[in-house]
C-alpha atoms as a PDB file:
ATOM      1  CA  MET A   1      11.998  26.492  31.125  1.00  0.00           C
ATOM      2  CA  PHE A   2       9.412  25.515  33.739  1.00  0.00           C
ATOM      3  CA  PHE A   3       9.194  21.987  35.121  1.00  0.00           C
ATOM      4  CA  PRO A   4       6.309  20.925  37.350  1.00  0.00           C
ATOM      5  CA  ALA A   5       7.262  20.221  40.958  1.00  0.00           C
ATOM      6  CA  CYS A   6       6.146  16.606  40.561  1.00  0.00           C
ATOM      7  CA  TRP A   7       9.056  16.007  38.166  1.00  0.00           C
ATOM      8  CA  ASN A   8      11.419  16.486  41.102  1.00  0.00           C
ATOM      9  CA  SER A   9       9.494  14.130  43.355  1.00  0.00           C
ATOM     10  CA  PRO A  10      10.936  10.886  44.739  1.00  0.00           C
ATOM     11  CA  LEU A  11       8.382   8.994  42.622  1.00  0.00           C
ATOM     12  CA  ALA A  12       9.572  10.673  39.423  1.00  0.00           C
ATOM     13  CA  GLU A  13      13.164   9.881  40.367  1.00  0.00           C
ATOM     14  CA  LYS A  14      12.279   6.249  41.034  1.00  0.00           C
ATOM     15  CA  MET A  15      10.514   6.023  37.672  1.00  0.00           C
ATOM     16  CA  ALA A  16      13.522   7.543  35.886  1.00  0.00           C
ATOM     17  CA  VAL A  17      15.849   4.965  37.470  1.00  0.00           C
ATOM     18  CA  LYS A  18      13.503   2.153  36.455  1.00  0.00           C
ATOM     19  CA  MET A  19      13.293   3.474  32.883  1.00  0.00           C
ATOM     20  CA  LYS A  20      17.089   3.619  32.647  1.00  0.00           C
ATOM     21  CA  LYS A  21      17.373   0.072  33.995  1.00  0.00           C
ATOM     22  CA  ASN A  22      14.870  -1.173  31.417  1.00  0.00           C
ATOM     23  CA  GLU A  23      16.587   0.795  28.637  1.00  0.00           C
ATOM     24  CA  ASP A  24      19.730  -1.295  29.133  1.00  0.00           C
ATOM     25  CA  ARG A  25      17.998  -4.595  29.914  1.00  0.00           C
ATOM     26  CA  LYS A  26      19.364  -7.298  27.621  1.00  0.00           C
ATOM     27  CA  ILE A  27      17.165  -9.480  25.460  1.00  0.00           C
ATOM     28  CA  PRO A  28      18.637 -12.991  25.031  1.00  0.00           C
ATOM     29  CA  ASP A  29      19.836 -13.781  21.496  1.00  0.00           C
ATOM     30  CA  ASN A  30      17.607 -16.846  21.357  1.00  0.00           C
ATOM     31  CA  PHE A  31      14.459 -15.113  22.638  1.00  0.00           C
ATOM     32  CA  ASP A  32      11.416 -16.480  20.780  1.00  0.00           C
ATOM     33  CA  TYR A  33       9.058 -13.584  20.088  1.00  0.00           C
ATOM     34  CA  ASP A  34       6.637 -15.955  18.341  1.00  0.00           C
ATOM     35  CA  LYS A  35       5.774 -17.582  21.690  1.00  0.00           C
ATOM     36  CA  ILE A  36       4.256 -14.358  23.015  1.00  0.00           C
ATOM     37  CA  ASN A  37       0.598 -14.704  22.069  1.00  0.00           C
ATOM     38  CA  SER A  38      -0.138 -11.128  23.126  1.00  0.00           C
ATOM     39  CA  PHE A  39       2.011  -9.766  20.278  1.00  0.00           C
ATOM     40  CA  SER A  40       0.440  -8.997  16.938  1.00  0.00           C
ATOM     41  CA  ALA A  41       1.860 -10.692  13.853  1.00  0.00           C
ATOM     42  CA  GLU A  42       3.352  -7.322  12.857  1.00  0.00           C
ATOM     43  CA  THR A  43       5.116  -6.919  16.216  1.00  0.00           C
ATOM     44  CA  LYS A  44       6.534 -10.447  16.027  1.00  0.00           C
ATOM     45  CA  SER A  45       7.718  -9.830  12.477  1.00  0.00           C
ATOM     46  CA  ARG A  46       9.435  -6.552  13.328  1.00  0.00           C
ATOM     47  CA  LEU A  47      11.150  -7.917  16.436  1.00  0.00           C
ATOM     48  CA  ASN A  48      12.268 -11.067  14.616  1.00  0.00           C
ATOM     49  CA  SER A  49      13.694  -9.088  11.713  1.00  0.00           C
ATOM     50  CA  VAL A  50      15.568  -6.530  13.848  1.00  0.00           C
ATOM     51  CA  ARG A  51      16.503  -8.824  16.777  1.00  0.00           C
ATOM     52  CA  PRO A  52      17.129  -5.943  19.224  1.00  0.00           C
ATOM     53  CA  GLU A  53      19.763  -6.516  21.909  1.00  0.00           C
ATOM     54  CA  THR A  54      18.041  -4.401  24.587  1.00  0.00           C
ATOM     55  CA  LEU A  55      14.585  -3.180  25.542  1.00  0.00           C
ATOM     56  CA  GLY A  56      15.724   0.320  24.654  1.00  0.00           C
ATOM     57  CA  GLN A  57      16.525  -0.750  21.109  1.00  0.00           C
ATOM     58  CA  ALA A  58      13.224  -2.614  20.861  1.00  0.00           C
ATOM     59  CA  SER A  59      11.319   0.472  22.006  1.00  0.00           C
ATOM     60  CA  ARG A  60      12.790   2.517  19.141  1.00  0.00           C
ATOM     61  CA  ILE A  61      11.695   0.128  16.376  1.00  0.00           C
ATOM     62  CA  THR A  62       9.065   1.751  14.173  1.00  0.00           C
ATOM     63  CA  GLY A  63       5.664   0.230  14.861  1.00  0.00           C
ATOM     64  CA  ILE A  64       6.538  -1.180  18.276  1.00  0.00           C
ATOM     65  CA  LYS A  65       4.096   0.204  20.837  1.00  0.00           C
ATOM     66  CA  PRO A  66       4.743   0.971  24.512  1.00  0.00           C
ATOM     67  CA  SER A  67       2.339  -1.862  25.349  1.00  0.00           C
ATOM     68  CA  ASP A  68       4.566  -4.264  23.356  1.00  0.00           C
ATOM     69  CA  ILE A  69       7.558  -3.175  25.439  1.00  0.00           C
ATOM     70  CA  ALA A  70       5.563  -3.637  28.645  1.00  0.00           C
ATOM     71  CA  ILE A  71       4.599  -7.166  27.597  1.00  0.00           C
ATOM     72  CA  LEU A  72       8.183  -7.957  26.607  1.00  0.00           C
ATOM     73  CA  THR A  73       9.405  -6.642  29.962  1.00  0.00           C
ATOM     74  CA  VAL A  74       7.020  -8.959  31.813  1.00  0.00           C
ATOM     75  CA  TYR A  75       8.166 -11.975  29.781  1.00  0.00           C
ATOM     76  CA  LEU A  76      11.845 -11.160  30.287  1.00  0.00           C
ATOM     77  CA  GLU A  77      11.326 -10.776  34.037  1.00  0.00           C
ATOM     78  CA  LYS A  78       9.407 -14.063  34.159  1.00  0.00           C
ATOM     79  CA  ARG A  79      12.209 -15.788  32.252  1.00  0.00           C
ATOM     80  CA  ARG A  80      14.841 -14.252  34.558  1.00  0.00           C
ATOM     81  CA  LYS A  81      13.012 -15.527  37.647  1.00  0.00           C
ATOM     82  CA  GLU A  82      12.573 -19.001  36.141  1.00  0.00           C
ATOM     83  CA  ASN A  83      16.274 -19.184  35.286  1.00  0.00           C
ATOM     84  CA  LYS A  84      17.238 -17.985  38.756  1.00  0.00           C
ATOM     85  CA  LYS A  85      14.934 -20.573  40.334  1.00  0.00           C
ATOM     86  CA  ALA A  86      16.360 -23.361  38.128  1.00  0.00           C
ATOM     87  CA  VAL A  87      19.951 -22.417  39.024  1.00  0.00           C
ATOM     88  CA  SER A  88      19.025 -22.288  42.700  1.00  0.00           C
ATOM     89  CA  ALA A  89      17.313 -25.697  42.553  1.00  0.00           C
ATOM     90  CA  HIS A  90      20.255 -27.175  40.656  1.00  0.00           C
ATOM     91  CA  GLY A  91      22.662 -25.957  43.339  1.00  0.00           C
ATOM     92  CA  LYS A  92      20.638 -27.619  46.116  1.00  0.00           C
ATOM     93  CA  GLN A  93      20.839 -31.105  44.620  1.00  0.00           C
END
């Protein structure tokens, strides 16, 4: 089987590592999908009914688009940074 040379590039390797990291990224049990205005009603309904534990699981739900996973990733990262900032601020008091 032939694989293009670009698949062995450092960029491709970096992307593969990032994909693996996101595959295992946890979604909090109490995550409120309804607060994400960018999601369609169908996406919110599917995520709320399945309640995936990871981004990888969410990405395999029928009807969930790659753009939905990208949006969810951004929100999870934002939440992680906010929580980290709150813990850091709490420790400085």
